[in-house]
Amino acid sequence: MENLSDELLIESYKKATELQLSYEFIQLMEEEMKRRSLVKHLDYTN
């Protein structure tokens, strides 16, 4: 995931939650977003 730009990671996360992809996959993206301090983009309502 380190090769993804912040923008692409955020877009991928939003699409994954929209499509209700596997919890484990979304969790991996959330962990990477937290590592990059992108938590303001996390959607905890899904």
PDB file of N, CA and C in Angstrom:
ATOM      1  N   MET A   1       0.810  -1.200   0.000  1.00  0.00           N
ATOM      2  CA  MET A   1       0.000   0.000   0.000  1.00  0.00           C
ATOM      3  C   MET A   1       0.850   1.260   0.000  1.00  0.00           C
ATOM      4  N   GLU A   2       2.085   1.117   0.332  1.00  0.00           N
ATOM      5  CA  GLU A   2       2.954   2.287   0.390  1.00  0.00           C
ATOM      6  C   GLU A   2       3.129   2.931  -0.972  1.00  0.00           C
ATOM      7  N   ASN A   3       2.883   2.177  -2.049  1.00  0.00           N
ATOM      8  CA  ASN A   3       3.046   2.715  -3.395  1.00  0.00           C
ATOM      9  C   ASN A   3       1.863   3.576  -3.833  1.00  0.00           C
ATOM     10  N   LEU A   4       0.750   3.473  -3.129  1.00  0.00           N
ATOM     11  CA  LEU A   4      -0.426   4.274  -3.474  1.00  0.00           C
ATOM     12  C   LEU A   4      -0.247   5.710  -2.987  1.00  0.00           C
ATOM     13  N   SER A   5      -0.666   6.645  -3.806  1.00  0.00           N
ATOM     14  CA  SER A   5      -0.673   8.033  -3.346  1.00  0.00           C
ATOM     15  C   SER A   5      -1.777   8.182  -2.303  1.00  0.00           C
ATOM     16  N   ASP A   6      -1.697   9.228  -1.501  1.00  0.00           N
ATOM     17  CA  ASP A   6      -2.744   9.485  -0.513  1.00  0.00           C
ATOM     18  C   ASP A   6      -4.098   9.604  -1.199  1.00  0.00           C
ATOM     19  N   GLU A   7      -4.132  10.320  -2.301  1.00  0.00           N
ATOM     20  CA  GLU A   7      -5.387  10.540  -3.018  1.00  0.00           C
ATOM     21  C   GLU A   7      -5.988   9.219  -3.498  1.00  0.00           C
ATOM     22  N   LEU A   8      -5.161   8.355  -4.060  1.00  0.00           N
ATOM     23  CA  LEU A   8      -5.666   7.076  -4.556  1.00  0.00           C
ATOM     24  C   LEU A   8      -6.111   6.179  -3.408  1.00  0.00           C
ATOM     25  N   LEU A   9      -5.410   6.222  -2.296  1.00  0.00           N
ATOM     26  CA  LEU A   9      -5.806   5.442  -1.123  1.00  0.00           C
ATOM     27  C   LEU A   9      -7.172   5.899  -0.621  1.00  0.00           C
ATOM     28  N   ILE A  10      -7.384   7.199  -0.531  1.00  0.00           N
ATOM     29  CA  ILE A  10      -8.666   7.744  -0.070  1.00  0.00           C
ATOM     30  C   ILE A  10      -9.786   7.357  -1.030  1.00  0.00           C
ATOM     31  N   GLU A  11      -9.549   7.507  -2.321  1.00  0.00           N
ATOM     32  CA  GLU A  11     -10.560   7.143  -3.317  1.00  0.00           C
ATOM     33  C   GLU A  11     -10.881   5.654  -3.248  1.00  0.00           C
ATOM     34  N   SER A  12      -9.859   4.834  -3.101  1.00  0.00           N
ATOM     35  CA  SER A  12     -10.051   3.383  -3.025  1.00  0.00           C
ATOM     36  C   SER A  12     -10.830   3.006  -1.777  1.00  0.00           C
ATOM     37  N   TYR A  13     -10.518   3.663  -0.675  1.00  0.00           N
ATOM     38  CA  TYR A  13     -11.234   3.405   0.574  1.00  0.00           C
ATOM     39  C   TYR A  13     -12.711   3.749   0.436  1.00  0.00           C
ATOM     40  N   LYS A  14     -12.997   4.915  -0.125  1.00  0.00           N
ATOM     41  CA  LYS A  14     -14.390   5.332  -0.296  1.00  0.00           C
ATOM     42  C   LYS A  14     -15.149   4.355  -1.184  1.00  0.00           C
ATOM     43  N   LYS A  15     -14.528   3.906  -2.264  1.00  0.00           N
ATOM     44  CA  LYS A  15     -15.175   2.966  -3.177  1.00  0.00           C
ATOM     45  C   LYS A  15     -15.372   1.612  -2.499  1.00  0.00           C
ATOM     46  N   ALA A  16     -14.394   1.161  -1.747  1.00  0.00           N
ATOM     47  CA  ALA A  16     -14.496  -0.127  -1.056  1.00  0.00           C
ATOM     48  C   ALA A  16     -15.629  -0.123  -0.035  1.00  0.00           C
ATOM     49  N   THR A  17     -15.789   0.987   0.692  1.00  0.00           N
ATOM     50  CA  THR A  17     -16.883   1.056   1.658  1.00  0.00           C
ATOM     51  C   THR A  17     -18.224   1.159   0.942  1.00  0.00           C
ATOM     52  N   GLU A  18     -18.256   1.895  -0.152  1.00  0.00           N
ATOM     53  CA  GLU A  18     -19.483   2.028  -0.940  1.00  0.00           C
ATOM     54  C   GLU A  18     -19.935   0.666  -1.473  1.00  0.00           C
ATOM     55  N   LEU A  19     -18.984  -0.140  -1.928  1.00  0.00           N
ATOM     56  CA  LEU A  19     -19.292  -1.461  -2.490  1.00  0.00           C
ATOM     57  C   LEU A  19     -19.377  -2.549  -1.421  1.00  0.00           C
ATOM     58  N   GLN A  20     -19.149  -2.150  -0.182  1.00  0.00           N
ATOM     59  CA  GLN A  20     -19.186  -3.069   0.955  1.00  0.00           C
ATOM     60  C   GLN A  20     -18.280  -4.275   0.725  1.00  0.00           C
ATOM     61  N   LEU A  21     -17.030  -3.984   0.356  1.00  0.00           N
ATOM     62  CA  LEU A  21     -16.047  -5.049   0.169  1.00  0.00           C
ATOM     63  C   LEU A  21     -15.691  -5.647   1.527  1.00  0.00           C
ATOM     64  N   SER A  22     -14.861  -6.654   1.536  1.00  0.00           N
ATOM     65  CA  SER A  22     -14.581  -7.400   2.768  1.00  0.00           C
ATOM     66  C   SER A  22     -14.077  -6.482   3.885  1.00  0.00           C
ATOM     67  N   TYR A  23     -14.505  -6.810   5.080  1.00  0.00           N
ATOM     68  CA  TYR A  23     -14.130  -6.044   6.262  1.00  0.00           C
ATOM     69  C   TYR A  23     -12.613  -5.993   6.414  1.00  0.00           C
ATOM     70  N   GLU A  24     -11.949  -7.119   6.168  1.00  0.00           N
ATOM     71  CA  GLU A  24     -10.500  -7.196   6.321  1.00  0.00           C
ATOM     72  C   GLU A  24      -9.786  -6.247   5.361  1.00  0.00           C
ATOM     73  N   PHE A  25     -10.266  -6.173   4.127  1.00  0.00           N
ATOM     74  CA  PHE A  25      -9.666  -5.286   3.129  1.00  0.00           C
ATOM     75  C   PHE A  25      -9.834  -3.820   3.538  1.00  0.00           C
ATOM     76  N   ILE A  26     -11.025  -3.467   3.950  1.00  0.00           N
ATOM     77  CA  ILE A  26     -11.294  -2.094   4.387  1.00  0.00           C
ATOM     78  C   ILE A  26     -10.464  -1.765   5.625  1.00  0.00           C
ATOM     79  N   GLN A  27     -10.336  -2.722   6.513  1.00  0.00           N
ATOM     80  CA  GLN A  27      -9.547  -2.505   7.723  1.00  0.00           C
ATOM     81  C   GLN A  27      -8.075  -2.245   7.380  1.00  0.00           C
ATOM     82  N   LEU A  28      -7.536  -2.963   6.413  1.00  0.00           N
ATOM     83  CA  LEU A  28      -6.156  -2.722   5.976  1.00  0.00           C
ATOM     84  C   LEU A  28      -5.988  -1.292   5.476  1.00  0.00           C
ATOM     85  N   MET A  29      -6.954  -0.831   4.703  1.00  0.00           N
ATOM     86  CA  MET A  29      -6.882   0.540   4.195  1.00  0.00           C
ATOM     87  C   MET A  29      -7.011   1.546   5.330  1.00  0.00           C
ATOM     88  N   GLU A  30      -7.897   1.272   6.286  1.00  0.00           N
ATOM     89  CA  GLU A  30      -8.046   2.173   7.430  1.00  0.00           C
ATOM     90  C   GLU A  30      -6.746   2.271   8.219  1.00  0.00           C
ATOM     91  N   GLU A  31      -6.089   1.145   8.425  1.00  0.00           N
ATOM     92  CA  GLU A  31      -4.822   1.156   9.159  1.00  0.00           C
ATOM     93  C   GLU A  31      -3.769   1.984   8.427  1.00  0.00           C
ATOM     94  N   GLU A  32      -3.716   1.840   7.117  1.00  0.00           N
ATOM     95  CA  GLU A  32      -2.750   2.617   6.333  1.00  0.00           C
ATOM     96  C   GLU A  32      -3.097   4.104   6.370  1.00  0.00           C
ATOM     97  N   MET A  33      -4.384   4.428   6.316  1.00  0.00           N
ATOM     98  CA  MET A  33      -4.797   5.831   6.377  1.00  0.00           C
ATOM     99  C   MET A  33      -4.448   6.431   7.740  1.00  0.00           C
ATOM    100  N   LYS A  34      -4.614   5.666   8.797  1.00  0.00           N
ATOM    101  CA  LYS A  34      -4.233   6.146  10.128  1.00  0.00           C
ATOM    102  C   LYS A  34      -2.729   6.363  10.201  1.00  0.00           C
ATOM    103  N   ARG A  35      -1.967   5.438   9.611  1.00  0.00           N
ATOM    104  CA  ARG A  35      -0.507   5.560   9.607  1.00  0.00           C
ATOM    105  C   ARG A  35      -0.074   6.835   8.898  1.00  0.00           C
ATOM    106  N   ARG A  36      -0.831   7.213   7.872  1.00  0.00           N
ATOM    107  CA  ARG A  36      -0.505   8.416   7.094  1.00  0.00           C
ATOM    108  C   ARG A  36      -1.195   9.672   7.639  1.00  0.00           C
ATOM    109  N   SER A  37      -1.874   9.547   8.738  1.00  0.00           N
ATOM    110  CA  SER A  37      -2.611  10.668   9.354  1.00  0.00           C
ATOM    111  C   SER A  37      -3.699  11.205   8.429  1.00  0.00           C
ATOM    112  N   LEU A  38      -4.419  10.301   7.798  1.00  0.00           N
ATOM    113  CA  LEU A  38      -5.527  10.671   6.918  1.00  0.00           C
ATOM    114  C   LEU A  38      -6.870  10.325   7.556  1.00  0.00           C
ATOM    115  N   VAL A  39      -6.917  10.287   8.874  1.00  0.00           N
ATOM    116  CA  VAL A  39      -8.115   9.821   9.574  1.00  0.00           C
ATOM    117  C   VAL A  39      -9.348  10.684   9.312  1.00  0.00           C
ATOM    118  N   LYS A  40      -9.169  11.926   8.940  1.00  0.00           N
ATOM    119  CA  LYS A  40     -10.335  12.782   8.687  1.00  0.00           C
ATOM    120  C   LYS A  40     -11.153  12.282   7.499  1.00  0.00           C
ATOM    121  N   HIS A  41     -10.569  11.403   6.687  1.00  0.00           N
ATOM    122  CA  HIS A  41     -11.257  10.869   5.522  1.00  0.00           C
ATOM    123  C   HIS A  41     -11.962   9.544   5.803  1.00  0.00           C
ATOM    124  N   LEU A  42     -11.790   9.015   7.009  1.00  0.00           N
ATOM    125  CA  LEU A  42     -12.414   7.738   7.339  1.00  0.00           C
ATOM    126  C   LEU A  42     -13.900   7.925   7.567  1.00  0.00           C
ATOM    127  N   ASP A  43     -14.667   6.956   7.108  1.00  0.00           N
ATOM    128  CA  ASP A  43     -16.120   6.993   7.251  1.00  0.00           C
ATOM    129  C   ASP A  43     -16.528   5.903   8.227  1.00  0.00           C
ATOM    130  N   TYR A  44     -16.789   6.284   9.462  1.00  0.00           N
ATOM    131  CA  TYR A  44     -17.133   5.303  10.482  1.00  0.00           C
ATOM    132  C   TYR A  44     -18.617   4.962  10.497  1.00  0.00           C
ATOM    133  N   THR A  45     -19.383   5.483   9.551  1.00  0.00           N
ATOM    134  CA  THR A  45     -20.817   5.203   9.526  1.00  0.00           C
ATOM    135  C   THR A  45     -21.138   3.919   8.795  1.00  0.00           C
ATOM    136  N   ASN A  46     -20.199   3.384   8.026  1.00  0.00           N
ATOM    137  CA  ASN A  46     -20.449   2.144   7.267  1.00  0.00           C
ATOM    138  C   ASN A  46     -20.111   0.939   8.082  1.00  0.00           C
TER     139      ASN A  46
END
